[in-house]
């Protein structure tokens, strides 16, 4: 695992921790809903916003957001099994 992958995984775990694991996904790995504890709401479109906020806090570039998103989905699918 390269340093970038470790950083993406760390940010993905921060996102899951921020939502307390309250992220609903499909079997195919599409994010449906997210519960944000800072805003106290369930939302369909909030997943992208949370990912962007956490990636910007980690000083990642916009093209790296998609990599973090895949790591979030992989972690959630690993936990569901």
PDB file of N, CA and C in Angstrom:
ATOM      1  N   UNK A   1       0.847  -1.170   0.000  1.00  0.00           N
ATOM      2  CA  UNK A   1       0.000   0.000   0.000  1.00  0.00           C
ATOM      3  C   UNK A   1       0.898   1.241   0.000  1.00  0.00           C
ATOM      4  N   UNK A   2       0.654   2.118  -0.933  1.00  0.00           N
ATOM      5  CA  UNK A   2       1.472   3.324  -1.029  1.00  0.00           C
ATOM      6  C   UNK A   2       1.037   4.360  -0.009  1.00  0.00           C
ATOM      7  N   UNK A   3       1.821   5.399   0.105  1.00  0.00           N
ATOM      8  CA  UNK A   3       1.505   6.452   1.067  1.00  0.00           C
ATOM      9  C   UNK A   3       0.196   7.142   0.745  1.00  0.00           C
ATOM     10  N   UNK A   4      -0.104   7.312  -0.550  1.00  0.00           N
ATOM     11  CA  UNK A   4      -1.360   7.953  -0.923  1.00  0.00           C
ATOM     12  C   UNK A   4      -2.550   7.102  -0.496  1.00  0.00           C
ATOM     13  N   UNK A   5      -2.444   5.792  -0.700  1.00  0.00           N
ATOM     14  CA  UNK A   5      -3.536   4.906  -0.313  1.00  0.00           C
ATOM     15  C   UNK A   5      -3.744   4.924   1.192  1.00  0.00           C
ATOM     16  N   UNK A   6      -2.669   5.003   1.945  1.00  0.00           N
ATOM     17  CA  UNK A   6      -2.797   5.086   3.398  1.00  0.00           C
ATOM     18  C   UNK A   6      -3.490   6.378   3.807  1.00  0.00           C
ATOM     19  N   UNK A   7      -3.152   7.467   3.122  1.00  0.00           N
ATOM     20  CA  UNK A   7      -3.776   8.748   3.426  1.00  0.00           C
ATOM     21  C   UNK A   7      -5.261   8.722   3.056  1.00  0.00           C
ATOM     22  N   UNK A   8      -5.591   8.144   1.900  1.00  0.00           N
ATOM     23  CA  UNK A   8      -6.991   8.042   1.493  1.00  0.00           C
ATOM     24  C   UNK A   8      -7.780   7.193   2.481  1.00  0.00           C
ATOM     25  N   UNK A   9      -7.174   6.102   2.940  1.00  0.00           N
ATOM     26  CA  UNK A   9      -7.837   5.226   3.905  1.00  0.00           C
ATOM     27  C   UNK A   9      -8.056   5.946   5.229  1.00  0.00           C
ATOM     28  N   UNK A  10      -7.076   6.723   5.653  1.00  0.00           N
ATOM     29  CA  UNK A  10      -7.213   7.479   6.904  1.00  0.00           C
ATOM     30  C   UNK A  10      -8.356   8.485   6.813  1.00  0.00           C
ATOM     31  N   UNK A  11      -8.439   9.197   5.691  1.00  0.00           N
ATOM     32  CA  UNK A  11      -9.510  10.175   5.501  1.00  0.00           C
ATOM     33  C   UNK A  11     -10.859   9.467   5.407  1.00  0.00           C
ATOM     34  N   UNK A  12     -10.900   8.316   4.747  1.00  0.00           N
ATOM     35  CA  UNK A  12     -12.146   7.548   4.652  1.00  0.00           C
ATOM     36  C   UNK A  12     -12.628   7.116   6.031  1.00  0.00           C
ATOM     37  N   UNK A  13     -11.706   6.691   6.869  1.00  0.00           N
ATOM     38  CA  UNK A  13     -12.092   6.290   8.229  1.00  0.00           C
ATOM     39  C   UNK A  13     -12.575   7.491   9.037  1.00  0.00           C
ATOM     40  N   UNK A  14     -12.005   8.666   8.799  1.00  0.00           N
ATOM     41  CA  UNK A  14     -12.478   9.881   9.462  1.00  0.00           C
ATOM     42  C   UNK A  14     -13.903  10.203   9.045  1.00  0.00           C
ATOM     43  N   UNK A  15     -14.213  10.003   7.771  1.00  0.00           N
ATOM     44  CA  UNK A  15     -15.564  10.265   7.270  1.00  0.00           C
ATOM     45  C   UNK A  15     -16.559   9.305   7.919  1.00  0.00           C
ATOM     46  N   UNK A  16     -16.205   8.037   7.999  1.00  0.00           N
ATOM     47  CA  UNK A  16     -17.080   7.045   8.619  1.00  0.00           C
ATOM     48  C   UNK A  16     -17.261   7.354  10.099  1.00  0.00           C
ATOM     49  N   UNK A  17     -16.189   7.761  10.748  1.00  0.00           N
ATOM     50  CA  UNK A  17     -16.273   8.108  12.164  1.00  0.00           C
ATOM     51  C   UNK A  17     -17.135   9.343  12.367  1.00  0.00           C
ATOM     52  N   UNK A  18     -17.031  10.317  11.480  1.00  0.00           N
ATOM     53  CA  UNK A  18     -17.831  11.533  11.596  1.00  0.00           C
ATOM     54  C   UNK A  18     -19.322  11.214  11.506  1.00  0.00           C
ATOM     55  N   UNK A  19     -19.660  10.244  10.663  1.00  0.00           N
ATOM     56  CA  UNK A  19     -21.065   9.862  10.491  1.00  0.00           C
ATOM     57  C   UNK A  19     -21.460   8.739  11.442  1.00  0.00           C
ATOM     58  N   UNK A  20     -20.561   8.300  12.294  1.00  0.00           N
ATOM     59  CA  UNK A  20     -20.775   7.189  13.223  1.00  0.00           C
ATOM     60  C   UNK A  20     -21.215   5.932  12.484  1.00  0.00           C
ATOM     61  N   UNK A  21     -20.726   5.769  11.261  1.00  0.00           N
ATOM     62  CA  UNK A  21     -21.074   4.591  10.471  1.00  0.00           C
ATOM     63  C   UNK A  21     -22.483   4.627   9.920  1.00  0.00           C
ATOM     64  N   UNK A  22     -23.200   5.723  10.087  1.00  0.00           N
ATOM     65  CA  UNK A  22     -24.583   5.828   9.624  1.00  0.00           C
ATOM     66  C   UNK A  22     -24.612   6.247   8.163  1.00  0.00           C
ATOM     67  N   UNK A  23     -24.116   5.361   7.324  1.00  0.00           N
ATOM     68  CA  UNK A  23     -24.101   5.587   5.885  1.00  0.00           C
ATOM     69  C   UNK A  23     -24.779   4.380   5.252  1.00  0.00           C
ATOM     70  N   UNK A  24     -25.852   4.630   4.530  1.00  0.00           N
ATOM     71  CA  UNK A  24     -26.568   3.544   3.873  1.00  0.00           C
ATOM     72  C   UNK A  24     -26.063   3.423   2.447  1.00  0.00           C
ATOM     73  N   UNK A  25     -25.674   2.191   2.074  1.00  0.00           N
ATOM     74  CA  UNK A  25     -25.182   1.956   0.717  1.00  0.00           C
ATOM     75  C   UNK A  25     -25.930   0.766   0.116  1.00  0.00           C
ATOM     76  N   UNK A  26     -25.881   0.651  -1.214  1.00  0.00           N
ATOM     77  CA  UNK A  26     -26.469  -0.494  -1.892  1.00  0.00           C
ATOM     78  C   UNK A  26     -25.459  -1.633  -1.914  1.00  0.00           C
ATOM     79  N   UNK A  27     -25.897  -2.773  -2.395  1.00  0.00           N
ATOM     80  CA  UNK A  27     -24.987  -3.917  -2.505  1.00  0.00           C
ATOM     81  C   UNK A  27     -23.862  -3.651  -3.487  1.00  0.00           C
ATOM     82  N   UNK A  28     -24.137  -2.793  -4.459  1.00  0.00           N
ATOM     83  CA  UNK A  28     -23.144  -2.509  -5.484  1.00  0.00           C
ATOM     84  C   UNK A  28     -22.223  -1.363  -5.105  1.00  0.00           C
ATOM     85  N   UNK A  29     -22.398  -0.790  -3.912  1.00  0.00           N
ATOM     86  CA  UNK A  29     -21.479   0.234  -3.440  1.00  0.00           C
ATOM     87  C   UNK A  29     -21.854   1.657  -3.763  1.00  0.00           C
ATOM     88  N   UNK A  30     -23.133   1.914  -3.993  1.00  0.00           N
ATOM     89  CA  UNK A  30     -23.569   3.282  -4.230  1.00  0.00           C
ATOM     90  C   UNK A  30     -24.097   3.852  -2.914  1.00  0.00           C
ATOM     91  N   UNK A  31     -23.634   5.047  -2.556  1.00  0.00           N
ATOM     92  CA  UNK A  31     -24.062   5.663  -1.311  1.00  0.00           C
ATOM     93  C   UNK A  31     -25.473   6.223  -1.488  1.00  0.00           C
ATOM     94  N   UNK A  32     -26.397   5.812  -0.615  1.00  0.00           N
ATOM     95  CA  UNK A  32     -27.785   6.264  -0.704  1.00  0.00           C
ATOM     96  C   UNK A  32     -28.023   7.456   0.219  1.00  0.00           C
ATOM     97  N   UNK A  33     -27.787   7.257   1.504  1.00  0.00           N
ATOM     98  CA  UNK A  33     -28.047   8.302   2.494  1.00  0.00           C
ATOM     99  C   UNK A  33     -26.912   8.372   3.497  1.00  0.00           C
ATOM    100  N   UNK A  34     -26.754   9.532   4.090  1.00  0.00           N
ATOM    101  CA  UNK A  34     -25.728   9.751   5.098  1.00  0.00           C
ATOM    102  C   UNK A  34     -26.351  10.542   6.239  1.00  0.00           C
ATOM    103  N   UNK A  35     -25.976  10.206   7.475  1.00  0.00           N
ATOM    104  CA  UNK A  35     -26.392  10.987   8.622  1.00  0.00           C
ATOM    105  C   UNK A  35     -25.194  11.804   9.081  1.00  0.00           C
ATOM    106  N   UNK A  36     -25.341  13.108   9.062  1.00  0.00           N
ATOM    107  CA  UNK A  36     -24.261  13.993   9.496  1.00  0.00           C
ATOM    108  C   UNK A  36     -24.564  14.464  10.910  1.00  0.00           C
ATOM    109  N   UNK A  37     -23.680  14.140  11.830  1.00  0.00           N
ATOM    110  CA  UNK A  37     -23.906  14.503  13.227  1.00  0.00           C
ATOM    111  C   UNK A  37     -23.703  15.985  13.484  1.00  0.00           C
ATOM    112  N   UNK A  38     -22.945  16.667  12.629  1.00  0.00           N
ATOM    113  CA  UNK A  38     -22.769  18.105  12.814  1.00  0.00           C
ATOM    114  C   UNK A  38     -24.042  18.856  12.456  1.00  0.00           C
ATOM    115  N   UNK A  39     -24.764  18.366  11.438  1.00  0.00           N
ATOM    116  CA  UNK A  39     -25.993  19.027  11.000  1.00  0.00           C
ATOM    117  C   UNK A  39     -27.245  18.344  11.542  1.00  0.00           C
ATOM    118  N   UNK A  40     -27.106  17.128  12.062  1.00  0.00           N
ATOM    119  CA  UNK A  40     -28.196  16.333  12.635  1.00  0.00           C
ATOM    120  C   UNK A  40     -29.310  16.067  11.631  1.00  0.00           C
ATOM    121  N   UNK A  41     -28.933  15.654  10.415  1.00  0.00           N
ATOM    122  CA  UNK A  41     -29.941  15.320   9.412  1.00  0.00           C
ATOM    123  C   UNK A  41     -29.480  14.130   8.579  1.00  0.00           C
ATOM    124  N   UNK A  42     -30.471  13.364   8.059  1.00  0.00           N
ATOM    125  CA  UNK A  42     -30.215  12.356   7.043  1.00  0.00           C
ATOM    126  C   UNK A  42     -30.386  13.039   5.711  1.00  0.00           C
ATOM    127  N   UNK A  43     -29.527  12.760   4.767  1.00  0.00           N
ATOM    128  CA  UNK A  43     -29.628  13.405   3.473  1.00  0.00           C
ATOM    129  C   UNK A  43     -29.140  12.489   2.372  1.00  0.00           C
ATOM    130  N   UNK A  44     -29.740  12.669   1.188  1.00  0.00           N
ATOM    131  CA  UNK A  44     -29.313  11.897   0.017  1.00  0.00           C
ATOM    132  C   UNK A  44     -28.068  12.501  -0.605  1.00  0.00           C
ATOM    133  N   UNK A  45     -27.991  13.806  -0.680  1.00  0.00           N
ATOM    134  CA  UNK A  45     -26.876  14.455  -1.355  1.00  0.00           C
ATOM    135  C   UNK A  45     -25.758  14.907  -0.442  1.00  0.00           C
ATOM    136  N   UNK A  46     -25.868  14.611   0.824  1.00  0.00           N
ATOM    137  CA  UNK A  46     -24.903  15.109   1.798  1.00  0.00           C
ATOM    138  C   UNK A  46     -23.591  14.328   1.786  1.00  0.00           C
ATOM    139  N   UNK A  47     -23.592  13.124   1.246  1.00  0.00           N
ATOM    140  CA  UNK A  47     -22.374  12.302   1.252  1.00  0.00           C
ATOM    141  C   UNK A  47     -21.240  13.003   0.523  1.00  0.00           C
ATOM    142  N   UNK A  48     -21.531  13.564  -0.615  1.00  0.00           N
ATOM    143  CA  UNK A  48     -20.504  14.268  -1.365  1.00  0.00           C
ATOM    144  C   UNK A  48     -19.964  15.467  -0.623  1.00  0.00           C
ATOM    145  N   UNK A  49     -20.843  16.177   0.068  1.00  0.00           N
ATOM    146  CA  UNK A  49     -20.424  17.357   0.824  1.00  0.00           C
ATOM    147  C   UNK A  49     -19.513  16.969   1.984  1.00  0.00           C
ATOM    148  N   UNK A  50     -19.865  15.912   2.691  1.00  0.00           N
ATOM    149  CA  UNK A  50     -19.045  15.452   3.816  1.00  0.00           C
ATOM    150  C   UNK A  50     -17.680  14.986   3.315  1.00  0.00           C
ATOM    151  N   UNK A  51     -17.666  14.259   2.211  1.00  0.00           N
ATOM    152  CA  UNK A  51     -16.401  13.792   1.641  1.00  0.00           C
ATOM    153  C   UNK A  51     -15.539  14.978   1.226  1.00  0.00           C
ATOM    154  N   UNK A  52     -16.152  15.978   0.601  1.00  0.00           N
ATOM    155  CA  UNK A  52     -15.402  17.170   0.190  1.00  0.00           C
ATOM    156  C   UNK A  52     -14.835  17.910   1.393  1.00  0.00           C
ATOM    157  N   UNK A  53     -15.644  18.074   2.451  1.00  0.00           N
ATOM    158  CA  UNK A  53     -15.175  18.791   3.641  1.00  0.00           C
ATOM    159  C   UNK A  53     -13.986  18.093   4.276  1.00  0.00           C
ATOM    160  N   UNK A  54     -14.092  16.779   4.445  1.00  0.00           N
ATOM    161  CA  UNK A  54     -13.014  16.045   5.096  1.00  0.00           C
ATOM    162  C   UNK A  54     -11.756  16.002   4.219  1.00  0.00           C
ATOM    163  N   UNK A  55     -11.946  15.924   2.904  1.00  0.00           N
ATOM    164  CA  UNK A  55     -10.787  15.915   2.001  1.00  0.00           C
ATOM    165  C   UNK A  55     -10.098  17.271   2.002  1.00  0.00           C
ATOM    166  N   UNK A  56     -10.872  18.331   2.044  1.00  0.00           N
ATOM    167  CA  UNK A  56     -10.260  19.665   2.101  1.00  0.00           C
ATOM    168  C   UNK A  56      -9.548  19.877   3.430  1.00  0.00           C
ATOM    169  N   UNK A  57     -10.098  19.319   4.514  1.00  0.00           N
ATOM    170  CA  UNK A  57      -9.426  19.412   5.809  1.00  0.00           C
ATOM    171  C   UNK A  57      -8.089  18.676   5.791  1.00  0.00           C
ATOM    172  N   UNK A  58      -8.002  17.624   4.974  1.00  0.00           N
ATOM    173  CA  UNK A  58      -6.760  16.858   4.856  1.00  0.00           C
ATOM    174  C   UNK A  58      -5.858  17.401   3.751  1.00  0.00           C
ATOM    175  N   UNK A  59      -6.220  18.547   3.165  1.00  0.00           N
ATOM    176  CA  UNK A  59      -5.454  19.196   2.103  1.00  0.00           C
ATOM    177  C   UNK A  59      -5.277  18.323   0.860  1.00  0.00           C
ATOM    178  N   UNK A  60      -6.332  17.596   0.494  1.00  0.00           N
ATOM    179  CA  UNK A  60      -6.310  16.804  -0.730  1.00  0.00           C
ATOM    180  C   UNK A  60      -6.840  17.643  -1.890  1.00  0.00           C
ATOM    181  N   UNK A  61      -6.432  17.269  -3.093  1.00  0.00           N
ATOM    182  CA  UNK A  61      -6.906  17.970  -4.287  1.00  0.00           C
ATOM    183  C   UNK A  61      -8.250  17.394  -4.720  1.00  0.00           C
ATOM    184  N   UNK A  62      -8.967  18.136  -5.562  1.00  0.00           N
ATOM    185  CA  UNK A  62     -10.314  17.709  -5.963  1.00  0.00           C
ATOM    186  C   UNK A  62     -10.315  16.394  -6.717  1.00  0.00           C
ATOM    187  N   UNK A  63      -9.289  16.118  -7.496  1.00  0.00           N
ATOM    188  CA  UNK A  63      -9.269  14.872  -8.243  1.00  0.00           C
ATOM    189  C   UNK A  63      -9.038  13.664  -7.336  1.00  0.00           C
ATOM    190  N   UNK A  64      -8.635  13.902  -6.081  1.00  0.00           N
ATOM    191  CA  UNK A  64      -8.411  12.807  -5.145  1.00  0.00           C
ATOM    192  C   UNK A  64      -9.676  12.435  -4.365  1.00  0.00           C
ATOM    193  N   UNK A  65     -10.721  13.250  -4.464  1.00  0.00           N
ATOM    194  CA  UNK A  65     -11.962  12.987  -3.734  1.00  0.00           C
ATOM    195  C   UNK A  65     -12.563  11.639  -4.136  1.00  0.00           C
ATOM    196  N   UNK A  66     -12.488  11.301  -5.425  1.00  0.00           N
ATOM    197  CA  UNK A  66     -13.056  10.037  -5.907  1.00  0.00           C
ATOM    198  C   UNK A  66     -12.327   8.843  -5.305  1.00  0.00           C
ATOM    199  N   UNK A  67     -11.024   8.968  -5.115  1.00  0.00           N
ATOM    200  CA  UNK A  67     -10.273   7.877  -4.501  1.00  0.00           C
ATOM    201  C   UNK A  67     -10.730   7.660  -3.064  1.00  0.00           C
ATOM    202  N   UNK A  68     -10.946   8.749  -2.346  1.00  0.00           N
ATOM    203  CA  UNK A  68     -11.393   8.641  -0.953  1.00  0.00           C
ATOM    204  C   UNK A  68     -12.776   8.011  -0.906  1.00  0.00           C
ATOM    205  N   UNK A  69     -13.635   8.392  -1.840  1.00  0.00           N
ATOM    206  CA  UNK A  69     -14.990   7.841  -1.886  1.00  0.00           C
ATOM    207  C   UNK A  69     -14.953   6.324  -2.062  1.00  0.00           C
ATOM    208  N   UNK A  70     -14.071   5.830  -2.923  1.00  0.00           N
ATOM    209  CA  UNK A  70     -13.981   4.383  -3.106  1.00  0.00           C
ATOM    210  C   UNK A  70     -13.494   3.689  -1.835  1.00  0.00           C
ATOM    211  N   UNK A  71     -12.588   4.329  -1.111  1.00  0.00           N
ATOM    212  CA  UNK A  71     -12.122   3.743   0.148  1.00  0.00           C
ATOM    213  C   UNK A  71     -13.233   3.737   1.200  1.00  0.00           C
ATOM    214  N   UNK A  72     -14.083   4.764   1.208  1.00  0.00           N
ATOM    215  CA  UNK A  72     -15.230   4.787   2.129  1.00  0.00           C
ATOM    216  C   UNK A  72     -16.151   3.609   1.833  1.00  0.00           C
ATOM    217  N   UNK A  73     -16.454   3.409   0.561  1.00  0.00           N
ATOM    218  CA  UNK A  73     -17.347   2.319   0.165  1.00  0.00           C
ATOM    219  C   UNK A  73     -16.721   0.965   0.487  1.00  0.00           C
ATOM    220  N   UNK A  74     -15.431   0.802   0.242  1.00  0.00           N
ATOM    221  CA  UNK A  74     -14.761  -0.461   0.553  1.00  0.00           C
ATOM    222  C   UNK A  74     -14.802  -0.749   2.041  1.00  0.00           C
ATOM    223  N   UNK A  75     -14.565   0.249   2.867  1.00  0.00           N
ATOM    224  CA  UNK A  75     -14.592   0.054   4.324  1.00  0.00           C
ATOM    225  C   UNK A  75     -15.988  -0.337   4.795  1.00  0.00           C
ATOM    226  N   UNK A  76     -17.004   0.322   4.249  1.00  0.00           N
ATOM    227  CA  UNK A  76     -18.374   0.007   4.655  1.00  0.00           C
ATOM    228  C   UNK A  76     -18.785  -1.385   4.215  1.00  0.00           C
ATOM    229  N   UNK A  77     -18.395  -1.767   3.009  1.00  0.00           N
ATOM    230  CA  UNK A  77     -18.720  -3.125   2.538  1.00  0.00           C
ATOM    231  C   UNK A  77     -17.970  -4.178   3.344  1.00  0.00           C
ATOM    232  N   UNK A  78     -16.751  -3.861   3.766  1.00  0.00           N
ATOM    233  CA  UNK A  78     -15.975  -4.798   4.580  1.00  0.00           C
ATOM    234  C   UNK A  78     -16.628  -4.970   5.953  1.00  0.00           C
ATOM    235  N   UNK A  79     -17.164  -3.891   6.522  1.00  0.00           N
ATOM    236  CA  UNK A  79     -17.816  -3.969   7.824  1.00  0.00           C
ATOM    237  C   UNK A  79     -19.143  -4.708   7.760  1.00  0.00           C
ATOM    238  N   UNK A  80     -19.849  -4.610   6.614  1.00  0.00           N
ATOM    239  CA  UNK A  80     -21.158  -5.251   6.507  1.00  0.00           C
ATOM    240  C   UNK A  80     -21.061  -6.766   6.364  1.00  0.00           C
ATOM    241  N   UNK A  81     -19.915  -7.260   5.925  1.00  0.00           N
ATOM    242  CA  UNK A  81     -19.751  -8.713   5.756  1.00  0.00           C
ATOM    243  C   UNK A  81     -19.470  -9.387   7.027  1.00  0.00           C
TER     244      UNK A  81
END
